[in-house]
Amino acid sequence: MAGLGDFADSAKDALKSEQAEDISDKVLDGAEDLANKVTGGKFADQVDGFRDEADKHIGNE
């Protein structure tokens, strides 16, 4: 029987997978597009920076 530690390790591995990276990129790109649309692109540089910073902490790239 797998322990809680094994489950946690599996979850961490799943979050660092290529599939998780693809999904997170799509979500972050969509959020970036929405933010730029709502603000009329007025803060595009800041939004892009935030998107890039968030991407560093999600997925594997």
N, C-alpha and C. Protein backbone atom coordinates (compact mmCIF):
# COMPACT_ATOMS: atom_id res chain seq x y z
N MET A 1 0.84 -1.17 0.00
CA MET A 1 0.00 0.00 0.00
C MET A 1 0.90 1.24 0.00
N ALA A 2 0.60 2.16 -0.89
CA ALA A 2 1.39 3.38 -0.99
C ALA A 2 1.06 4.32 0.15
N GLY A 3 2.09 4.98 0.65
CA GLY A 3 1.88 5.91 1.75
C GLY A 3 1.58 7.31 1.24
N LEU A 4 1.28 8.18 2.17
CA LEU A 4 0.97 9.58 1.84
C LEU A 4 2.16 10.25 1.17
N GLY A 5 3.36 9.92 1.59
CA GLY A 5 4.57 10.48 0.99
C GLY A 5 4.68 10.11 -0.48
N ASP A 6 4.34 8.86 -0.80
CA ASP A 6 4.37 8.42 -2.20
C ASP A 6 3.35 9.18 -3.03
N PHE A 7 2.17 9.41 -2.46
CA PHE A 7 1.13 10.16 -3.14
C PHE A 7 1.60 11.60 -3.39
N ALA A 8 2.21 12.22 -2.39
CA ALA A 8 2.68 13.59 -2.53
C ALA A 8 3.77 13.67 -3.60
N ASP A 9 4.66 12.70 -3.63
CA ASP A 9 5.70 12.68 -4.66
C ASP A 9 5.10 12.53 -6.05
N SER A 10 4.10 11.69 -6.17
CA SER A 10 3.42 11.50 -7.47
C SER A 10 2.73 12.79 -7.91
N ALA A 11 2.11 13.47 -6.97
CA ALA A 11 1.43 14.73 -7.29
C ALA A 11 2.44 15.78 -7.74
N LYS A 12 3.57 15.85 -7.06
CA LYS A 12 4.62 16.81 -7.45
C LYS A 12 5.12 16.50 -8.85
N ASP A 13 5.33 15.22 -9.14
CA ASP A 13 5.79 14.82 -10.47
C ASP A 13 4.77 15.19 -11.54
N ALA A 14 3.50 14.99 -11.25
CA ALA A 14 2.44 15.32 -12.21
C ALA A 14 2.41 16.81 -12.49
N LEU A 15 2.62 17.63 -11.46
CA LEU A 15 2.61 19.08 -11.65
C LEU A 15 3.81 19.56 -12.45
N LYS A 16 4.86 18.77 -12.51
CA LYS A 16 6.06 19.14 -13.25
C LYS A 16 6.12 18.44 -14.62
N SER A 17 5.04 17.82 -15.03
CA SER A 17 5.02 17.07 -16.28
C SER A 17 4.85 17.98 -17.49
N GLU A 18 5.12 17.46 -18.65
CA GLU A 18 4.95 18.21 -19.90
C GLU A 18 3.47 18.55 -20.12
N GLN A 19 2.59 17.63 -19.74
CA GLN A 19 1.16 17.89 -19.88
C GLN A 19 0.74 19.06 -18.99
N ALA A 20 1.24 19.10 -17.77
CA ALA A 20 0.93 20.23 -16.88
C ALA A 20 1.47 21.53 -17.45
N GLU A 21 2.65 21.48 -18.05
CA GLU A 21 3.24 22.67 -18.67
C GLU A 21 2.36 23.18 -19.81
N ASP A 22 1.89 22.28 -20.65
CA ASP A 22 1.02 22.67 -21.76
C ASP A 22 -0.27 23.31 -21.26
N ILE A 23 -0.88 22.71 -20.26
CA ILE A 23 -2.12 23.24 -19.71
C ILE A 23 -1.89 24.59 -19.06
N SER A 24 -0.83 24.69 -18.27
CA SER A 24 -0.57 25.97 -17.58
C SER A 24 -0.26 27.07 -18.58
N ASP A 25 0.45 26.75 -19.65
CA ASP A 25 0.73 27.76 -20.68
C ASP A 25 -0.56 28.27 -21.32
N LYS A 26 -1.48 27.37 -21.60
CA LYS A 26 -2.75 27.78 -22.20
C LYS A 26 -3.55 28.66 -21.24
N VAL A 27 -3.58 28.30 -19.97
CA VAL A 27 -4.31 29.08 -18.98
C VAL A 27 -3.67 30.45 -18.81
N LEU A 28 -2.34 30.49 -18.69
CA LEU A 28 -1.66 31.77 -18.51
C LEU A 28 -1.79 32.65 -19.75
N ASP A 29 -1.71 32.05 -20.94
CA ASP A 29 -1.89 32.83 -22.17
C ASP A 29 -3.29 33.42 -22.24
N GLY A 30 -4.28 32.64 -21.86
CA GLY A 30 -5.66 33.12 -21.86
C GLY A 30 -5.86 34.25 -20.86
N ALA A 31 -5.27 34.11 -19.69
CA ALA A 31 -5.38 35.17 -18.68
C ALA A 31 -4.68 36.43 -19.15
N GLU A 32 -3.53 36.27 -19.80
CA GLU A 32 -2.81 37.43 -20.34
C GLU A 32 -3.64 38.13 -21.41
N ASP A 33 -4.21 37.35 -22.32
CA ASP A 33 -5.06 37.93 -23.37
C ASP A 33 -6.25 38.67 -22.77
N LEU A 34 -6.89 38.08 -21.78
CA LEU A 34 -8.04 38.71 -21.14
C LEU A 34 -7.64 40.02 -20.46
N ALA A 35 -6.55 39.99 -19.71
CA ALA A 35 -6.09 41.19 -19.01
C ALA A 35 -5.78 42.30 -20.02
N ASN A 36 -5.14 41.96 -21.12
CA ASN A 36 -4.83 42.95 -22.14
C ASN A 36 -6.09 43.48 -22.81
N LYS A 37 -7.06 42.62 -23.01
CA LYS A 37 -8.32 43.04 -23.62
C LYS A 37 -9.07 44.00 -22.69
N VAL A 38 -9.15 43.66 -21.41
CA VAL A 38 -9.87 44.47 -20.44
C VAL A 38 -9.20 45.84 -20.28
N THR A 39 -7.88 45.88 -20.32
CA THR A 39 -7.16 47.14 -20.11
C THR A 39 -6.82 47.85 -21.41
N GLY A 40 -7.26 47.29 -22.52
CA GLY A 40 -6.94 47.89 -23.81
C GLY A 40 -5.46 47.83 -24.14
N GLY A 41 -4.75 46.90 -23.52
CA GLY A 41 -3.33 46.74 -23.78
C GLY A 41 -2.46 47.78 -23.09
N LYS A 42 -3.07 48.62 -22.28
CA LYS A 42 -2.37 49.72 -21.61
C LYS A 42 -1.25 49.22 -20.70
N PHE A 43 -1.41 48.04 -20.15
CA PHE A 43 -0.42 47.49 -19.22
C PHE A 43 0.21 46.20 -19.77
N ALA A 44 0.33 46.10 -21.07
CA ALA A 44 0.78 44.87 -21.72
C ALA A 44 2.15 44.42 -21.22
N ASP A 45 3.07 45.34 -21.01
CA ASP A 45 4.40 44.96 -20.54
C ASP A 45 4.35 44.36 -19.13
N GLN A 46 3.55 44.96 -18.26
CA GLN A 46 3.42 44.44 -16.90
C GLN A 46 2.71 43.10 -16.89
N VAL A 47 1.68 42.99 -17.70
CA VAL A 47 0.92 41.73 -17.78
C VAL A 47 1.82 40.61 -18.30
N ASP A 48 2.63 40.92 -19.31
CA ASP A 48 3.55 39.93 -19.88
C ASP A 48 4.58 39.50 -18.83
N GLY A 49 5.08 40.46 -18.07
CA GLY A 49 6.05 40.14 -17.01
C GLY A 49 5.44 39.26 -15.94
N PHE A 50 4.21 39.56 -15.55
CA PHE A 50 3.53 38.74 -14.56
C PHE A 50 3.31 37.33 -15.08
N ARG A 51 2.89 37.22 -16.35
CA ARG A 51 2.66 35.92 -16.97
C ARG A 51 3.94 35.09 -16.96
N ASP A 52 5.05 35.72 -17.34
CA ASP A 52 6.33 35.02 -17.38
C ASP A 52 6.78 34.57 -15.98
N GLU A 53 6.59 35.44 -15.00
CA GLU A 53 6.97 35.11 -13.62
C GLU A 53 6.11 33.95 -13.10
N ALA A 54 4.83 34.00 -13.37
CA ALA A 54 3.94 32.90 -12.94
C ALA A 54 4.34 31.60 -13.60
N ASP A 55 4.72 31.67 -14.88
CA ASP A 55 5.08 30.45 -15.63
C ASP A 55 6.33 29.78 -15.04
N LYS A 56 7.20 30.56 -14.45
CA LYS A 56 8.41 29.98 -13.83
C LYS A 56 8.05 29.06 -12.66
N HIS A 57 6.89 29.28 -12.05
CA HIS A 57 6.52 28.53 -10.85
C HIS A 57 5.52 27.41 -11.14
N ILE A 58 5.10 27.30 -12.39
CA ILE A 58 4.10 26.30 -12.76
C ILE A 58 4.65 25.47 -13.91
N GLY A 59 4.50 24.17 -13.85
CA GLY A 59 4.97 23.30 -14.93
C GLY A 59 6.46 23.04 -14.83
N ASN A 60 7.07 22.74 -15.96
CA ASN A 60 8.47 22.35 -15.94
C ASN A 60 9.38 23.26 -16.75
N GLU A 61 8.87 24.35 -17.26
CA GLU A 61 9.73 25.28 -18.03
C GLU A 61 9.54 26.69 -17.54
